[in-house]
Amino acid sequence: MYMLLQNYQHNYLDSKPNNRLKIKISFLFETSKFIIKSIKSSEMRQIIGFNSYVINVLLRAK
């Protein structure tokens, strides 16, 4: 999930000048880094599912 967001951040955000979306994705990226560092591996699937949902909501909100 972390690598997916990192690739998305580099490939998509650097090519689009949409600041609102950039701020949202950057926040999500930093939040995901923190979550992945601080959770147990048994909870990983739930967190990734939640992050995927949040990404979809944010992309629709642009």
PDB file of N, CA and C in Angstrom:
ATOM      1  N   MET A   1       0.836  -1.208   0.000  1.00  0.00           N
ATOM      2  CA  MET A   1       0.000   0.000   0.000  1.00  0.00           C
ATOM      3  C   MET A   1       0.866   1.251   0.000  1.00  0.00           C
ATOM      4  N   TYR A   2       1.901   1.204   0.817  1.00  0.00           N
ATOM      5  CA  TYR A   2       2.821   2.348   0.898  1.00  0.00           C
ATOM      6  C   TYR A   2       3.465   2.619  -0.465  1.00  0.00           C
ATOM      7  N   MET A   3       3.945   1.548  -1.110  1.00  0.00           N
ATOM      8  CA  MET A   3       4.597   1.712  -2.423  1.00  0.00           C
ATOM      9  C   MET A   3       3.588   2.173  -3.471  1.00  0.00           C
ATOM     10  N   LEU A   4       2.377   1.657  -3.396  1.00  0.00           N
ATOM     11  CA  LEU A   4       1.328   2.070  -4.332  1.00  0.00           C
ATOM     12  C   LEU A   4       1.060   3.565  -4.222  1.00  0.00           C
ATOM     13  N   LEU A   5       0.931   4.056  -2.999  1.00  0.00           N
ATOM     14  CA  LEU A   5       0.704   5.489  -2.800  1.00  0.00           C
ATOM     15  C   LEU A   5       1.904   6.313  -3.232  1.00  0.00           C
ATOM     16  N   GLN A   6       3.099   5.787  -2.981  1.00  0.00           N
ATOM     17  CA  GLN A   6       4.308   6.515  -3.373  1.00  0.00           C
ATOM     18  C   GLN A   6       4.375   6.647  -4.894  1.00  0.00           C
ATOM     19  N   ASN A   7       4.092   5.555  -5.608  1.00  0.00           N
ATOM     20  CA  ASN A   7       4.079   5.607  -7.075  1.00  0.00           C
ATOM     21  C   ASN A   7       3.009   6.560  -7.576  1.00  0.00           C
ATOM     22  N   TYR A   8       1.836   6.501  -6.954  1.00  0.00           N
ATOM     23  CA  TYR A   8       0.743   7.397  -7.337  1.00  0.00           C
ATOM     24  C   TYR A   8       1.151   8.846  -7.122  1.00  0.00           C
ATOM     25  N   GLN A   9       1.794   9.106  -5.990  1.00  0.00           N
ATOM     26  CA  GLN A   9       2.220  10.465  -5.664  1.00  0.00           C
ATOM     27  C   GLN A   9       3.201  10.985  -6.715  1.00  0.00           C
ATOM     28  N   HIS A  10       4.169  10.160  -7.098  1.00  0.00           N
ATOM     29  CA  HIS A  10       5.171  10.612  -8.069  1.00  0.00           C
ATOM     30  C   HIS A  10       4.587  10.736  -9.476  1.00  0.00           C
ATOM     31  N   ASN A  11       3.862   9.718  -9.914  1.00  0.00           N
ATOM     32  CA  ASN A  11       3.407   9.689 -11.310  1.00  0.00           C
ATOM     33  C   ASN A  11       2.228  10.607 -11.580  1.00  0.00           C
ATOM     34  N   TYR A  12       1.272  10.625 -10.672  1.00  0.00           N
ATOM     35  CA  TYR A  12       0.040  11.380 -10.924  1.00  0.00           C
ATOM     36  C   TYR A  12       0.143  12.820 -10.447  1.00  0.00           C
ATOM     37  N   LEU A  13       0.582  13.010  -9.223  1.00  0.00           N
ATOM     38  CA  LEU A  13       0.537  14.354  -8.643  1.00  0.00           C
ATOM     39  C   LEU A  13       1.539  15.303  -9.284  1.00  0.00           C
ATOM     40  N   ASP A  14       2.698  14.782  -9.668  1.00  0.00           N
ATOM     41  CA  ASP A  14       3.701  15.651 -10.274  1.00  0.00           C
ATOM     42  C   ASP A  14       3.276  16.123 -11.660  1.00  0.00           C
ATOM     43  N   SER A  15       2.335  15.406 -12.282  1.00  0.00           N
ATOM     44  CA  SER A  15       1.905  15.791 -13.626  1.00  0.00           C
ATOM     45  C   SER A  15       0.610  16.605 -13.629  1.00  0.00           C
ATOM     46  N   LYS A  16      -0.049  16.715 -12.481  1.00  0.00           N
ATOM     47  CA  LYS A  16      -1.323  17.447 -12.409  1.00  0.00           C
ATOM     48  C   LYS A  16      -1.210  18.613 -11.428  1.00  0.00           C
ATOM     49  N   PRO A  17      -1.611  19.804 -11.835  1.00  0.00           N
ATOM     50  CA  PRO A  17      -1.490  20.970 -10.949  1.00  0.00           C
ATOM     51  C   PRO A  17      -2.713  21.219 -10.064  1.00  0.00           C
ATOM     52  N   ASN A  18      -3.324  20.158  -9.577  1.00  0.00           N
ATOM     53  CA  ASN A  18      -4.518  20.305  -8.741  1.00  0.00           C
ATOM     54  C   ASN A  18      -4.108  20.295  -7.266  1.00  0.00           C
ATOM     55  N   ASN A  19      -3.987  21.483  -6.684  1.00  0.00           N
ATOM     56  CA  ASN A  19      -3.438  21.596  -5.329  1.00  0.00           C
ATOM     57  C   ASN A  19      -4.309  20.948  -4.261  1.00  0.00           C
ATOM     58  N   ARG A  20      -5.621  21.063  -4.394  1.00  0.00           N
ATOM     59  CA  ARG A  20      -6.511  20.484  -3.381  1.00  0.00           C
ATOM     60  C   ARG A  20      -6.335  18.969  -3.317  1.00  0.00           C
ATOM     61  N   LEU A  21      -6.319  18.353  -4.486  1.00  0.00           N
ATOM     62  CA  LEU A  21      -6.133  16.898  -4.545  1.00  0.00           C
ATOM     63  C   LEU A  21      -4.738  16.520  -4.054  1.00  0.00           C
ATOM     64  N   LYS A  22      -3.752  17.349  -4.405  1.00  0.00           N
ATOM     65  CA  LYS A  22      -2.369  17.086  -3.992  1.00  0.00           C
ATOM     66  C   LYS A  22      -2.256  17.082  -2.468  1.00  0.00           C
ATOM     67  N   ILE A  23      -2.909  18.041  -1.825  1.00  0.00           N
ATOM     68  CA  ILE A  23      -2.885  18.118  -0.360  1.00  0.00           C
ATOM     69  C   ILE A  23      -3.568  16.894   0.250  1.00  0.00           C
ATOM     70  N   LYS A  24      -4.711  16.501  -0.308  1.00  0.00           N
ATOM     71  CA  LYS A  24      -5.431  15.339   0.215  1.00  0.00           C
ATOM     72  C   LYS A  24      -4.597  14.070   0.095  1.00  0.00           C
ATOM     73  N   ILE A  25      -3.998  13.858  -1.077  1.00  0.00           N
ATOM     74  CA  ILE A  25      -3.212  12.638  -1.282  1.00  0.00           C
ATOM     75  C   ILE A  25      -1.946  12.656  -0.428  1.00  0.00           C
ATOM     76  N   SER A  26      -1.332  13.826  -0.291  1.00  0.00           N
ATOM     77  CA  SER A  26      -0.143  13.922   0.568  1.00  0.00           C
ATOM     78  C   SER A  26      -0.491  13.582   2.012  1.00  0.00           C
ATOM     79  N   PHE A  27      -1.633  14.079   2.471  1.00  0.00           N
ATOM     80  CA  PHE A  27      -2.086  13.765   3.825  1.00  0.00           C
ATOM     81  C   PHE A  27      -2.334  12.265   3.971  1.00  0.00           C
ATOM     82  N   LEU A  28      -3.003  11.676   2.983  1.00  0.00           N
ATOM     83  CA  LEU A  28      -3.287  10.244   3.014  1.00  0.00           C
ATOM     84  C   LEU A  28      -1.990   9.437   2.988  1.00  0.00           C
ATOM     85  N   PHE A  29      -1.036   9.893   2.178  1.00  0.00           N
ATOM     86  CA  PHE A  29       0.263   9.232   2.055  1.00  0.00           C
ATOM     87  C   PHE A  29       0.988   9.224   3.400  1.00  0.00           C
ATOM     88  N   GLU A  30       1.039  10.374   4.062  1.00  0.00           N
ATOM     89  CA  GLU A  30       1.706  10.469   5.367  1.00  0.00           C
ATOM     90  C   GLU A  30       0.964   9.651   6.426  1.00  0.00           C
ATOM     91  N   THR A  31      -0.364   9.698   6.384  1.00  0.00           N
ATOM     92  CA  THR A  31      -1.169   8.921   7.328  1.00  0.00           C
ATOM     93  C   THR A  31      -0.921   7.430   7.143  1.00  0.00           C
ATOM     94  N   SER A  32      -0.864   6.998   5.897  1.00  0.00           N
ATOM     95  CA  SER A  32      -0.637   5.580   5.608  1.00  0.00           C
ATOM     96  C   SER A  32       0.737   5.130   6.077  1.00  0.00           C
ATOM     97  N   LYS A  33       1.738   5.984   5.898  1.00  0.00           N
ATOM     98  CA  LYS A  33       3.082   5.651   6.394  1.00  0.00           C
ATOM     99  C   LYS A  33       3.035   5.407   7.896  1.00  0.00           C
ATOM    100  N   PHE A  34       2.367   6.313   8.610  1.00  0.00           N
ATOM    101  CA  PHE A  34       2.267   6.194  10.065  1.00  0.00           C
ATOM    102  C   PHE A  34       1.502   4.933  10.458  1.00  0.00           C
ATOM    103  N   ILE A  35       0.365   4.698   9.806  1.00  0.00           N
ATOM    104  CA  ILE A  35      -0.463   3.533  10.138  1.00  0.00           C
ATOM    105  C   ILE A  35       0.309   2.241   9.908  1.00  0.00           C
ATOM    106  N   ILE A  36       0.972   2.149   8.758  1.00  0.00           N
ATOM    107  CA  ILE A  36       1.670   0.903   8.424  1.00  0.00           C
ATOM    108  C   ILE A  36       2.819   0.642   9.391  1.00  0.00           C
ATOM    109  N   LYS A  37       3.471   1.689   9.859  1.00  0.00           N
ATOM    110  CA  LYS A  37       4.546   1.503  10.841  1.00  0.00           C
ATOM    111  C   LYS A  37       4.006   1.070  12.194  1.00  0.00           C
ATOM    112  N   SER A  38       2.804   1.481  12.541  1.00  0.00           N
ATOM    113  CA  SER A  38       2.334   1.300  13.915  1.00  0.00           C
ATOM    114  C   SER A  38       1.355   0.149  14.135  1.00  0.00           C
ATOM    115  N   ILE A  39       0.948  -0.557  13.074  1.00  0.00           N
ATOM    116  CA  ILE A  39      -0.036  -1.627  13.279  1.00  0.00           C
ATOM    117  C   ILE A  39       0.608  -3.008  13.279  1.00  0.00           C
ATOM    118  N   LYS A  40      -0.130  -3.977  13.782  1.00  0.00           N
ATOM    119  CA  LYS A  40       0.298  -5.373  13.732  1.00  0.00           C
ATOM    120  C   LYS A  40      -0.063  -5.939  12.361  1.00  0.00           C
ATOM    121  N   SER A  41       0.706  -6.928  11.922  1.00  0.00           N
ATOM    122  CA  SER A  41       0.490  -7.472  10.583  1.00  0.00           C
ATOM    123  C   SER A  41      -0.879  -8.144  10.440  1.00  0.00           C
ATOM    124  N   SER A  42      -1.449  -8.638  11.532  1.00  0.00           N
ATOM    125  CA  SER A  42      -2.763  -9.282  11.462  1.00  0.00           C
ATOM    126  C   SER A  42      -3.874  -8.286  11.130  1.00  0.00           C
ATOM    127  N   GLU A  43      -3.616  -7.003  11.398  1.00  0.00           N
ATOM    128  CA  GLU A  43      -4.620  -5.970  11.118  1.00  0.00           C
ATOM    129  C   GLU A  43      -4.402  -5.315   9.755  1.00  0.00           C
ATOM    130  N   MET A  44      -3.358  -5.706   9.065  1.00  0.00           N
ATOM    131  CA  MET A  44      -2.967  -5.038   7.823  1.00  0.00           C
ATOM    132  C   MET A  44      -4.077  -5.051   6.774  1.00  0.00           C
ATOM    133  N   ARG A  45      -4.765  -6.181   6.641  1.00  0.00           N
ATOM    134  CA  ARG A  45      -5.790  -6.266   5.596  1.00  0.00           C
ATOM    135  C   ARG A  45      -6.928  -5.273   5.805  1.00  0.00           C
ATOM    136  N   GLN A  46      -7.354  -5.104   7.034  1.00  0.00           N
ATOM    137  CA  GLN A  46      -8.423  -4.145   7.326  1.00  0.00           C
ATOM    138  C   GLN A  46      -7.979  -2.727   7.013  1.00  0.00           C
ATOM    139  N   ILE A  47      -6.745  -2.381   7.383  1.00  0.00           N
ATOM    140  CA  ILE A  47      -6.233  -1.026   7.145  1.00  0.00           C
ATOM    141  C   ILE A  47      -6.133  -0.751   5.650  1.00  0.00           C
ATOM    142  N   ILE A  48      -5.612  -1.725   4.893  1.00  0.00           N
ATOM    143  CA  ILE A  48      -5.471  -1.526   3.448  1.00  0.00           C
ATOM    144  C   ILE A  48      -6.843  -1.361   2.802  1.00  0.00           C
ATOM    145  N   GLY A  49      -7.811  -2.141   3.236  1.00  0.00           N
ATOM    146  CA  GLY A  49      -9.166  -1.999   2.712  1.00  0.00           C
ATOM    147  C   GLY A  49      -9.732  -0.623   3.006  1.00  0.00           C
ATOM    148  N   PHE A  50      -9.509  -0.137   4.207  1.00  0.00           N
ATOM    149  CA  PHE A  50      -9.983   1.191   4.582  1.00  0.00           C
ATOM    150  C   PHE A  50      -9.283   2.261   3.754  1.00  0.00           C
ATOM    151  N   ASN A  51      -7.965   2.158   3.588  1.00  0.00           N
ATOM    152  CA  ASN A  51      -7.226   3.134   2.788  1.00  0.00           C
ATOM    153  C   ASN A  51      -7.707   3.159   1.343  1.00  0.00           C
ATOM    154  N   SER A  52      -7.989   1.995   0.781  1.00  0.00           N
ATOM    155  CA  SER A  52      -8.497   1.939  -0.589  1.00  0.00           C
ATOM    156  C   SER A  52      -9.829   2.677  -0.692  1.00  0.00           C
ATOM    157  N   TYR A  53     -10.684   2.484   0.309  1.00  0.00           N
ATOM    158  CA  TYR A  53     -11.968   3.183   0.346  1.00  0.00           C
ATOM    159  C   TYR A  53     -11.754   4.692   0.421  1.00  0.00           C
ATOM    160  N   VAL A  54     -10.837   5.129   1.294  1.00  0.00           N
ATOM    161  CA  VAL A  54     -10.566   6.562   1.459  1.00  0.00           C
ATOM    162  C   VAL A  54     -10.017   7.159   0.168  1.00  0.00           C
ATOM    163  N   ILE A  55      -9.112   6.449  -0.497  1.00  0.00           N
ATOM    164  CA  ILE A  55      -8.559   6.942  -1.768  1.00  0.00           C
ATOM    165  C   ILE A  55      -9.683   7.135  -2.778  1.00  0.00           C
ATOM    166  N   ASN A  56     -10.576   6.164  -2.881  1.00  0.00           N
ATOM    167  CA  ASN A  56     -11.687   6.279  -3.833  1.00  0.00           C
ATOM    168  C   ASN A  56     -12.580   7.467  -3.519  1.00  0.00           C
ATOM    169  N   VAL A  57     -12.863   7.685  -2.250  1.00  0.00           N
ATOM    170  CA  VAL A  57     -13.686   8.832  -1.842  1.00  0.00           C
ATOM    171  C   VAL A  57     -12.990  10.142  -2.198  1.00  0.00           C
ATOM    172  N   LEU A  58     -11.698  10.230  -1.915  1.00  0.00           N
ATOM    173  CA  LEU A  58     -10.955  11.460  -2.205  1.00  0.00           C
ATOM    174  C   LEU A  58     -10.882  11.730  -3.701  1.00  0.00           C
ATOM    175  N   LEU A  59     -10.704  10.693  -4.493  1.00  0.00           N
ATOM    176  CA  LEU A  59     -10.610  10.895  -5.940  1.00  0.00           C
ATOM    177  C   LEU A  59     -11.948  11.346  -6.516  1.00  0.00           C
ATOM    178  N   ARG A  60     -13.048  10.862  -5.947  1.00  0.00           N
ATOM    179  CA  ARG A  60     -14.358  11.319  -6.403  1.00  0.00           C
ATOM    180  C   ARG A  60     -14.621  12.757  -5.980  1.00  0.00           C
ATOM    181  N   ALA A  61     -13.984  13.195  -4.881  1.00  0.00           N
ATOM    182  CA  ALA A  61     -14.222  14.538  -4.345  1.00  0.00           C
ATOM    183  C   ALA A  61     -13.482  15.634  -5.108  1.00  0.00           C
ATOM    184  N   LYS A  62     -12.557  15.243  -5.983  1.00  0.00           N
ATOM    185  CA  LYS A  62     -11.794  16.284  -6.695  1.00  0.00           C
ATOM    186  C   LYS A  62     -12.694  17.024  -7.634  1.00  0.00           C
TER     187      LYS A  62
END
